[in-house]
């Protein structure tokens, strides 16, 4: 109903007061690598059953054995909060208690830096999404859209109050994938495929406006609680298009049309995200395990060149996922090759990409009880086997030994810490 009014995703901003001042950068930049060694770790106790059989204690024990300093954890906003009659948020005490225990055990295990990634949003009263990844259409559901932004920002601020130890907020995951991705129109069916969902996918221009709006609102909320809190841009993963996507992120910010619902425009990228983020899976560039590491480094540096062209040199980057699936194979040579790739990847990042301050190995363990991918790929990224694996009983794969050495030095003996 607002198509005739909303000429862009934030035309209200265009019509009102002037934009904020441009950012100032300190050159040369300095980076803190204290939290470089990261893992993606989920617990079956609160993660909506995706990692069934994984306890908070088991997960923390493996993080400790690896020597991880950073941890990316998933949270369903709609699991932690329910919504009342007037968009008010109510804390789910059970979910909160289990999540609190998870974070505390990881802290006790030596994790110091948490990255919280949203896997499902909360929605305004009266709005019924077909999946937790739906975002109300700013062109047709503008009132719902603004309420959505404010509610999810409020939820992030509440989380920052509840979990002072969580510093980094990533409001989505792999949004540059059309399907499944994390930003869709209502009507999208998760797992339905393109033949079912083609009418419910935002184009990149609209999607980036939504993502930038969401990041701006979340950042405003979490920094109002703790000025040191940071927003990490949702991890991009489509290697064929990441440079162009990053370029569009900055162009949208520079367009002086954002954020939606404000009486000003803001063209300072630091007000949208503190840390840029992509998932540099090498196998998207080369489907074999035989990776040309020089070419991989140059590709990732070409993405950062886009950042520099937009005057944002010095911006930190996270790789919030990096890993390889072994597809459940029993081929030991392939598993050893994955271990070698982890070693080469960490070495290359440290030597060639000084702006990367944290890398999160994906993922801590295999899945067992849920089939997320018909090929078996998604279930077998683990550094460890699932604790209920009847043959390996939660034991480490060769990749776990490689990651432990990458984190702690070549003399580190993982077996002594298990």
Protein backbone atom coordinates (compact mmCIF):
# COMPACT_ATOMS: atom_id res chain seq x y z
CA UNK A 1 0.00 0.00 0.00
CA UNK A 2 3.02 2.29 0.32
CA UNK A 3 4.50 1.64 -3.11
CA UNK A 4 3.55 5.11 -4.31
CA UNK A 5 5.13 6.75 -1.27
CA UNK A 6 8.29 4.75 -0.65
CA UNK A 7 10.53 5.53 -3.61
CA UNK A 8 13.52 3.95 -1.92
CA UNK A 9 13.92 1.86 1.18
CA UNK A 10 14.50 5.01 3.19
CA UNK A 11 13.01 7.86 1.22
CA UNK A 12 11.84 9.45 4.43
CA UNK A 13 15.49 10.04 5.24
CA UNK A 14 16.06 11.68 1.87
CA UNK A 15 13.39 14.30 2.50
CA UNK A 16 14.62 15.40 5.90
CA UNK A 17 17.72 16.75 7.60
CA UNK A 18 21.27 16.50 6.33
CA UNK A 19 23.62 13.58 6.76
CA UNK A 20 26.15 13.05 9.53
CA UNK A 21 29.82 13.91 9.03
CA UNK A 22 32.11 11.50 7.24
CA UNK A 23 34.39 9.27 9.24
CA UNK A 24 38.03 9.96 9.98
CA UNK A 25 40.54 7.11 9.71
CA UNK A 26 43.85 6.75 11.48
CA UNK A 27 46.59 5.56 9.12
CA UNK A 28 48.41 3.29 9.50
CA UNK A 29 45.77 1.18 11.27
CA UNK A 30 46.59 -0.93 14.29
CA UNK A 31 44.91 -4.25 14.99
CA UNK A 32 44.42 -6.44 18.04
CA UNK A 33 44.91 -10.15 17.35
CA UNK A 34 44.17 -11.32 20.90
CA UNK A 35 41.01 -13.10 19.75
CA UNK A 36 42.25 -14.42 16.41
CA UNK A 37 41.69 -18.10 17.31
CA UNK A 38 37.96 -18.77 16.93
CA UNK A 39 35.50 -21.62 16.58
CA UNK A 40 31.84 -21.98 15.68
CA UNK A 41 30.35 -23.92 18.58
CA UNK A 42 26.71 -24.81 19.16
CA UNK A 43 25.02 -26.57 22.01
CA UNK A 44 22.08 -28.90 21.59
CA UNK A 45 20.73 -27.72 24.92
CA UNK A 46 19.32 -24.48 23.51
CA UNK A 47 19.97 -24.29 19.77
CA UNK A 48 16.54 -25.49 18.64
CA UNK A 49 17.72 -29.07 18.37
CA UNK A 50 20.12 -28.54 15.45
CA UNK A 51 22.98 -30.04 17.40
CA UNK A 52 21.13 -32.67 19.38
CA UNK A 53 23.33 -34.61 21.79
CA UNK A 54 25.87 -31.82 22.35
CA UNK A 55 25.86 -30.55 25.93
CA UNK A 56 27.16 -27.20 27.14
CA UNK A 57 29.85 -29.01 29.12
CA UNK A 58 31.02 -31.18 26.21
CA UNK A 59 31.18 -28.20 23.85
CA UNK A 60 33.16 -26.11 26.33
CA UNK A 61 35.61 -28.93 27.00
CA UNK A 62 36.51 -29.17 23.31
CA UNK A 63 36.85 -25.39 22.99
CA UNK A 64 39.27 -25.49 25.92
CA UNK A 65 41.27 -28.34 24.41
CA UNK A 66 41.69 -26.41 21.17
CA UNK A 67 42.72 -23.22 22.98
CA UNK A 68 39.98 -21.11 21.36
CA UNK A 69 39.79 -17.46 22.40
CA UNK A 70 36.75 -16.53 20.28
CA UNK A 71 33.48 -18.34 19.82
CA UNK A 72 30.58 -17.73 17.44
CA UNK A 73 27.28 -18.90 18.85
CA UNK A 74 23.86 -19.02 17.22
CA UNK A 75 20.74 -17.59 18.82
CA UNK A 76 17.10 -17.69 17.77
CA UNK A 77 15.79 -14.30 18.87
CA UNK A 78 12.31 -15.79 18.76
CA UNK A 79 13.50 -18.50 21.15
CA UNK A 80 14.93 -16.11 23.72
CA UNK A 81 12.00 -13.69 23.50
CA UNK A 82 8.27 -13.99 22.97
CA UNK A 83 6.21 -11.02 21.79
CA UNK A 84 3.28 -9.52 23.69
CA UNK A 85 0.25 -7.58 22.51
CA UNK A 86 2.07 -4.31 21.78
CA UNK A 87 5.41 -5.49 20.41
CA UNK A 88 6.74 -5.89 23.95
CA UNK A 89 9.40 -8.54 24.47
CA UNK A 90 9.15 -11.21 27.18
CA UNK A 91 12.22 -13.20 28.21
CA UNK A 92 12.05 -16.98 27.94
CA UNK A 93 13.63 -17.89 31.27
CA UNK A 94 14.43 -21.50 30.32
CA UNK A 95 16.17 -20.53 27.08
CA UNK A 96 18.00 -17.73 28.89
CA UNK A 97 19.21 -20.01 31.71
CA UNK A 98 20.58 -22.64 29.34
CA UNK A 99 22.23 -20.01 27.14
CA UNK A 100 23.75 -18.34 30.21
CA UNK A 101 25.18 -21.67 31.31
CA UNK A 102 26.61 -22.20 27.83
CA UNK A 103 28.36 -18.81 27.81
CA UNK A 104 29.67 -19.22 31.35
CA UNK A 105 31.12 -22.67 30.61
CA UNK A 106 32.82 -21.35 27.49
CA UNK A 107 34.28 -18.49 29.54
CA UNK A 108 35.59 -20.96 32.09
CA UNK A 109 37.15 -22.85 29.17
CA UNK A 110 39.14 -19.77 28.16
CA UNK A 111 36.89 -18.13 25.55
CA UNK A 112 37.12 -14.34 25.90
CA UNK A 113 35.45 -13.01 22.75
CA UNK A 114 31.88 -13.92 21.81
CA UNK A 115 30.20 -13.35 18.46
CA UNK A 116 26.42 -13.71 18.64
CA UNK A 117 24.75 -14.50 15.31
CA UNK A 118 20.98 -14.13 14.90
CA UNK A 119 19.32 -17.17 13.32
CA UNK A 120 15.68 -16.10 13.66
CA UNK A 121 14.09 -12.72 14.24
CA UNK A 122 11.28 -11.41 16.43
CA UNK A 123 8.24 -9.88 14.73
CA UNK A 124 5.70 -7.17 15.43
CA UNK A 125 2.38 -8.13 16.95
CA UNK A 126 0.02 -9.17 14.16
CA UNK A 127 2.75 -10.03 11.65
CA UNK A 128 2.87 -13.73 10.73
CA UNK A 129 6.09 -14.73 8.91
CA UNK A 130 6.43 -17.98 6.98
CA UNK A 131 9.95 -18.47 8.37
CA UNK A 132 12.21 -16.86 10.94
CA UNK A 133 14.30 -15.34 8.16
CA UNK A 134 11.52 -13.17 6.74
CA UNK A 135 11.83 -9.37 6.87
CA UNK A 136 8.70 -7.25 6.26
CA UNK A 137 8.85 -5.63 2.84
CA UNK A 138 9.88 -1.96 3.25
CA UNK A 139 8.11 -1.06 0.01
CA UNK A 140 4.78 -2.65 0.89
CA UNK A 141 4.83 -3.20 4.68
CA UNK A 142 6.68 -0.10 5.83
CA UNK A 143 5.03 0.22 9.24
CA UNK A 144 5.75 -3.42 10.01
CA UNK A 145 9.29 -2.93 8.69
CA UNK A 146 10.10 -0.06 11.05
CA UNK A 147 8.60 -1.94 13.98
CA UNK A 148 10.65 -5.00 12.99
CA UNK A 149 13.88 -2.96 12.99
CA UNK A 150 13.14 -1.42 16.37
CA UNK A 151 12.10 -4.72 17.98
CA UNK A 152 15.17 -6.64 16.87
CA UNK A 153 17.38 -3.75 17.94
CA UNK A 154 15.64 -3.72 21.32
CA UNK A 155 16.18 -7.48 21.60
CA UNK A 156 19.89 -7.04 20.87
CA UNK A 157 20.12 -4.34 23.52
CA UNK A 158 18.38 -6.58 26.03
CA UNK A 159 20.84 -9.37 25.24
CA UNK A 160 23.73 -6.98 25.82
CA UNK A 161 22.27 -6.19 29.25
CA UNK A 162 21.68 -9.87 30.06
CA UNK A 163 25.08 -10.99 28.75
CA UNK A 164 27.69 -8.27 29.41
CA UNK A 165 30.38 -10.70 28.23
CA UNK A 166 28.97 -10.77 24.68
CA UNK A 167 30.64 -7.97 22.76
CA UNK A 168 29.93 -8.72 19.08
CA UNK A 169 26.56 -8.93 17.33
CA UNK A 170 26.05 -10.40 13.84
CA UNK A 171 22.40 -9.80 12.78
CA UNK A 172 22.11 -12.58 10.20
CA UNK A 173 24.10 -15.11 8.23
CA UNK A 174 25.07 -15.48 4.57
CA UNK A 175 22.53 -12.96 3.28
CA UNK A 176 24.09 -12.81 -0.18
CA UNK A 177 22.78 -16.29 -0.96
CA UNK A 178 19.41 -15.96 -2.67
CA UNK A 179 18.26 -19.29 -1.28
CA UNK A 180 18.40 -20.11 1.57
CA UNK A 181 20.13 -16.94 2.82
CA UNK A 182 18.74 -14.99 5.79
CA UNK A 183 16.69 -12.11 4.36
CA UNK A 184 13.43 -12.92 2.54
CA UNK A 185 9.97 -11.63 1.74
CA UNK A 186 7.02 -13.13 3.55
CA UNK A 187 5.93 -16.29 1.80
CA UNK A 188 9.44 -17.76 1.65
CA UNK A 189 9.56 -21.41 2.72
CA UNK A 190 12.86 -22.47 4.28
CA UNK A 191 14.10 -25.56 2.45
CA UNK A 192 11.67 -25.01 -0.42
CA UNK A 193 14.23 -24.26 -3.11
CA UNK A 194 14.16 -21.66 -5.86
CA UNK A 195 11.22 -23.23 -7.68
CA UNK A 196 9.04 -22.54 -4.63
CA UNK A 197 10.62 -19.30 -3.40
CA UNK A 198 11.56 -17.28 -6.48
CA UNK A 199 8.78 -14.72 -5.85
CA UNK A 200 9.88 -14.16 -2.26
CA UNK A 201 13.54 -13.23 -2.71
CA UNK A 202 14.72 -9.62 -2.39
CA UNK A 203 17.00 -8.26 -5.07
CA UNK A 204 20.45 -7.23 -3.89
CA UNK A 205 19.64 -3.53 -3.85
CA UNK A 206 16.70 -3.99 -1.49
CA UNK A 207 18.45 -6.66 0.53
CA UNK A 208 21.48 -4.47 1.20
CA UNK A 209 19.29 -1.57 2.28
CA UNK A 210 17.56 -3.90 4.74
CA UNK A 211 20.85 -5.28 6.06
CA UNK A 212 22.34 -1.82 6.48
CA UNK A 213 19.21 -0.61 8.27
CA UNK A 214 19.24 -3.62 10.56
CA UNK A 215 22.92 -3.18 11.39
CA UNK A 216 22.45 0.54 12.10
CA UNK A 217 19.53 -0.05 14.47
CA UNK A 218 21.23 -2.96 16.25
CA UNK A 219 24.45 -1.00 16.67
CA UNK A 220 22.60 1.97 18.10
CA UNK A 221 20.90 -0.29 20.63
CA UNK A 222 23.91 -2.28 21.81
CA UNK A 223 26.26 0.70 22.04
CA UNK A 224 23.69 2.56 24.13
CA UNK A 225 24.15 -0.23 26.69
CA UNK A 226 27.91 -0.59 26.25
CA UNK A 227 29.87 1.80 24.01
CA UNK A 228 32.47 -0.92 23.40
CA UNK A 229 29.90 -3.28 21.83
CA UNK A 230 30.39 -3.98 18.14
CA UNK A 231 28.27 -4.96 15.16
CA UNK A 232 29.77 -7.49 12.76
CA UNK A 233 28.22 -7.41 9.29
CA UNK A 234 26.39 -10.68 8.51
CA UNK A 235 28.90 -13.06 6.96
CA UNK A 236 28.89 -13.00 3.15
CA UNK A 237 29.62 -16.28 1.47
CA UNK A 238 28.89 -16.31 -2.27
CA UNK A 239 32.51 -16.07 -3.42
CA UNK A 240 31.53 -15.19 -6.98
CA UNK A 241 29.83 -11.97 -5.88
CA UNK A 242 31.32 -10.87 -2.53
CA UNK A 243 33.38 -7.98 -4.04
CA UNK A 244 30.31 -6.55 -5.78
CA UNK A 245 28.15 -7.05 -2.69
CA UNK A 246 30.65 -5.20 -0.50
CA UNK A 247 30.77 -2.40 -3.04
CA UNK A 248 26.98 -2.08 -2.88
CA UNK A 249 27.04 -2.05 0.93
CA UNK A 250 29.20 1.06 0.86
CA UNK A 251 27.34 2.69 -2.02
CA UNK A 252 24.07 2.35 -0.15
CA UNK A 253 25.58 4.00 2.91
CA UNK A 254 27.01 6.77 0.76
CA UNK A 255 23.67 7.33 -1.02
CA UNK A 256 22.32 9.36 1.93
CA UNK A 257 19.06 7.37 1.90
CA UNK A 258 19.64 5.43 5.13
CA UNK A 259 18.73 4.63 7.82
CA UNK A 260 14.99 4.22 7.36
CA UNK A 261 12.68 5.96 9.77
CA UNK A 262 15.14 8.64 10.90
CA UNK A 263 15.04 12.41 10.34
CA UNK A 264 18.56 12.37 8.93
CA UNK A 265 20.80 10.31 6.72
CA UNK A 266 24.00 8.74 7.97
CA UNK A 267 26.87 8.11 5.57
CA UNK A 268 29.44 6.99 8.13
CA UNK A 269 30.01 3.22 7.72
CA UNK A 270 31.24 2.97 11.31
CA UNK A 271 27.69 3.73 12.44
CA UNK A 272 26.46 0.63 10.59
CA UNK A 273 29.14 -1.94 11.33
CA UNK A 274 32.40 -2.03 13.23
CA UNK A 275 33.70 -5.19 11.59
CA UNK A 276 33.20 -6.41 8.03
CA UNK A 277 32.75 -10.14 7.63
CA UNK A 278 32.78 -12.81 4.96
CA UNK A 279 33.18 -16.59 4.75
CA UNK A 280 36.15 -17.27 2.48
CA UNK A 281 35.40 -20.92 1.72
CA UNK A 282 38.13 -21.82 -0.80
CA UNK A 283 36.14 -24.72 -2.24
CA UNK A 284 33.73 -22.27 -3.85
CA UNK A 285 36.65 -21.14 -6.00
CA UNK A 286 38.11 -24.63 -6.44
CA UNK A 287 35.91 -27.64 -5.70
CA UNK A 288 38.95 -29.87 -5.13
CA UNK A 289 40.99 -29.85 -1.94
CA UNK A 290 44.02 -28.69 -3.94
CA UNK A 291 43.91 -24.95 -3.33
CA UNK A 292 46.24 -22.36 -4.77
CA UNK A 293 46.86 -20.31 -1.61
CA UNK A 294 48.42 -17.37 -3.44
CA UNK A 295 45.30 -17.00 -5.59
CA UNK A 296 43.08 -17.39 -2.53
CA UNK A 297 44.99 -14.64 -0.74
CA UNK A 298 44.78 -12.32 -3.74
CA UNK A 299 41.05 -12.90 -4.03
CA UNK A 300 40.44 -11.96 -0.41
CA UNK A 301 42.72 -8.95 -0.72
CA UNK A 302 40.69 -7.85 -3.74
CA UNK A 303 37.63 -7.72 -1.49
CA UNK A 304 39.48 -5.53 0.98
CA UNK A 305 40.57 -3.32 -1.90
CA UNK A 306 36.88 -2.44 -2.28
CA UNK A 307 36.85 -1.37 1.37
CA UNK A 308 39.85 0.87 0.79
CA UNK A 309 38.33 2.42 -2.34
CA UNK A 310 35.44 3.58 -0.20
CA UNK A 311 37.77 5.26 2.28
CA UNK A 312 37.36 2.64 5.02
CA UNK A 313 40.92 1.35 5.21
CA UNK A 314 41.63 0.11 8.71
CA UNK A 315 38.24 -1.56 9.06
CA UNK A 316 38.60 -4.89 10.85
CA UNK A 317 37.45 -8.09 9.17
CA UNK A 318 36.20 -11.31 10.71
CA UNK A 319 36.01 -14.60 8.88
CA UNK A 320 33.10 -15.89 10.95
CA UNK A 321 33.17 -19.24 9.14
CA UNK A 322 36.00 -21.12 7.47
CA UNK A 323 36.19 -24.87 7.03
CA UNK A 324 35.79 -28.00 4.96
CA UNK A 325 33.33 -30.85 4.99
CA UNK A 326 34.67 -34.37 4.58
CA UNK A 327 31.21 -35.53 3.39
CA UNK A 328 31.32 -38.34 5.93
CA UNK A 329 34.06 -40.15 4.04
CA UNK A 330 36.23 -42.88 5.55
CA UNK A 331 39.09 -41.81 3.29
CA UNK A 332 41.91 -40.87 5.67
CA UNK A 333 43.87 -39.11 2.94
CA UNK A 334 41.03 -36.65 2.34
CA UNK A 335 40.78 -35.94 6.06
CA UNK A 336 44.51 -35.30 6.24
CA UNK A 337 44.19 -32.94 3.27
CA UNK A 338 41.57 -30.93 5.14
CA UNK A 339 43.93 -30.72 8.10
CA UNK A 340 46.67 -29.46 5.79
CA UNK A 341 44.27 -26.90 4.33
CA UNK A 342 43.47 -25.53 7.78
CA UNK A 343 47.18 -25.12 8.46
CA UNK A 344 47.75 -23.35 5.15
CA UNK A 345 44.70 -21.15 5.53
CA UNK A 346 45.64 -19.85 8.97
CA UNK A 347 49.24 -19.29 7.86
CA UNK A 348 48.13 -17.41 4.74
CA UNK A 349 45.70 -15.21 6.65
CA UNK A 350 48.29 -14.27 9.24
CA UNK A 351 50.91 -13.46 6.62
CA UNK A 352 48.79 -11.83 3.90
CA UNK A 353 45.67 -10.34 5.53
CA UNK A 354 46.59 -8.13 8.48
CA UNK A 355 43.06 -6.69 8.67
CA UNK A 356 41.60 -10.09 9.65
CA UNK A 357 41.50 -10.11 13.45
CA UNK A 358 39.48 -13.30 14.09
CA UNK A 359 38.87 -16.53 12.19
CA UNK A 360 36.18 -18.97 13.31
CA UNK A 361 36.71 -22.60 12.30
CA UNK A 362 33.44 -24.09 11.09
CA UNK A 363 32.48 -26.08 12.95
CA UNK A 364 33.39 -27.66 16.27
CA UNK A 365 31.66 -30.97 15.69
CA UNK A 366 29.73 -33.12 13.26
CA UNK A 367 25.97 -33.36 13.43
CA UNK A 368 24.32 -36.72 13.82
CA UNK A 369 20.59 -36.55 14.35
CA UNK A 370 19.50 -33.98 11.78
CA UNK A 371 19.99 -34.00 8.03
CA UNK A 372 20.45 -30.38 6.98
CA UNK A 373 21.83 -31.18 3.55
CA UNK A 374 20.81 -34.13 1.39
CA UNK A 375 24.42 -34.55 0.25
CA UNK A 376 25.69 -34.93 3.82
CA UNK A 377 27.97 -31.94 3.43
CA UNK A 378 26.59 -29.70 6.18
CA UNK A 379 26.67 -32.46 8.79
CA UNK A 380 30.36 -33.29 8.36
CA UNK A 381 32.26 -30.02 8.83
CA UNK A 382 33.23 -30.96 12.37
CA UNK A 383 36.72 -30.79 13.84
CA UNK A 384 35.41 -33.51 16.15
CA UNK A 385 33.06 -36.39 15.55
CA UNK A 386 29.71 -36.25 17.27
CA UNK A 387 29.89 -37.65 20.83
CA UNK A 388 27.25 -40.24 19.91
CA UNK A 389 29.21 -41.46 16.88
CA UNK A 390 29.31 -45.22 17.38
CA UNK A 391 32.79 -45.54 15.92
CA UNK A 392 34.64 -42.37 16.93
CA UNK A 393 32.75 -41.34 20.10
CA UNK A 394 33.39 -37.61 19.83
CA UNK A 395 37.06 -38.00 19.04
CA UNK A 396 39.14 -35.48 17.10
CA UNK A 397 39.62 -35.59 13.35
CA UNK A 398 43.00 -34.69 11.83
CA UNK A 399 41.61 -31.19 11.30
CA UNK A 400 41.28 -30.72 15.08
CA UNK A 401 45.00 -31.39 15.55
CA UNK A 402 45.84 -28.94 12.78
CA UNK A 403 43.62 -26.19 14.19
CA UNK A 404 45.02 -26.72 17.71
CA UNK A 405 48.55 -26.26 16.37
CA UNK A 406 47.50 -23.21 14.33
CA UNK A 407 46.09 -21.72 17.53
CA UNK A 408 48.86 -22.65 19.94
CA UNK A 409 52.04 -23.45 18.01
CA UNK A 410 53.47 -26.54 16.36
CA UNK A 411 54.58 -28.08 19.66
CA UNK A 412 51.03 -28.14 21.04
CA UNK A 413 49.79 -31.65 21.78
CA UNK A 414 46.00 -31.76 21.58
CA UNK A 415 45.87 -35.20 23.18
CA UNK A 416 47.26 -33.79 26.42
CA UNK A 417 44.32 -31.40 26.67
CA UNK A 418 41.42 -33.71 25.81
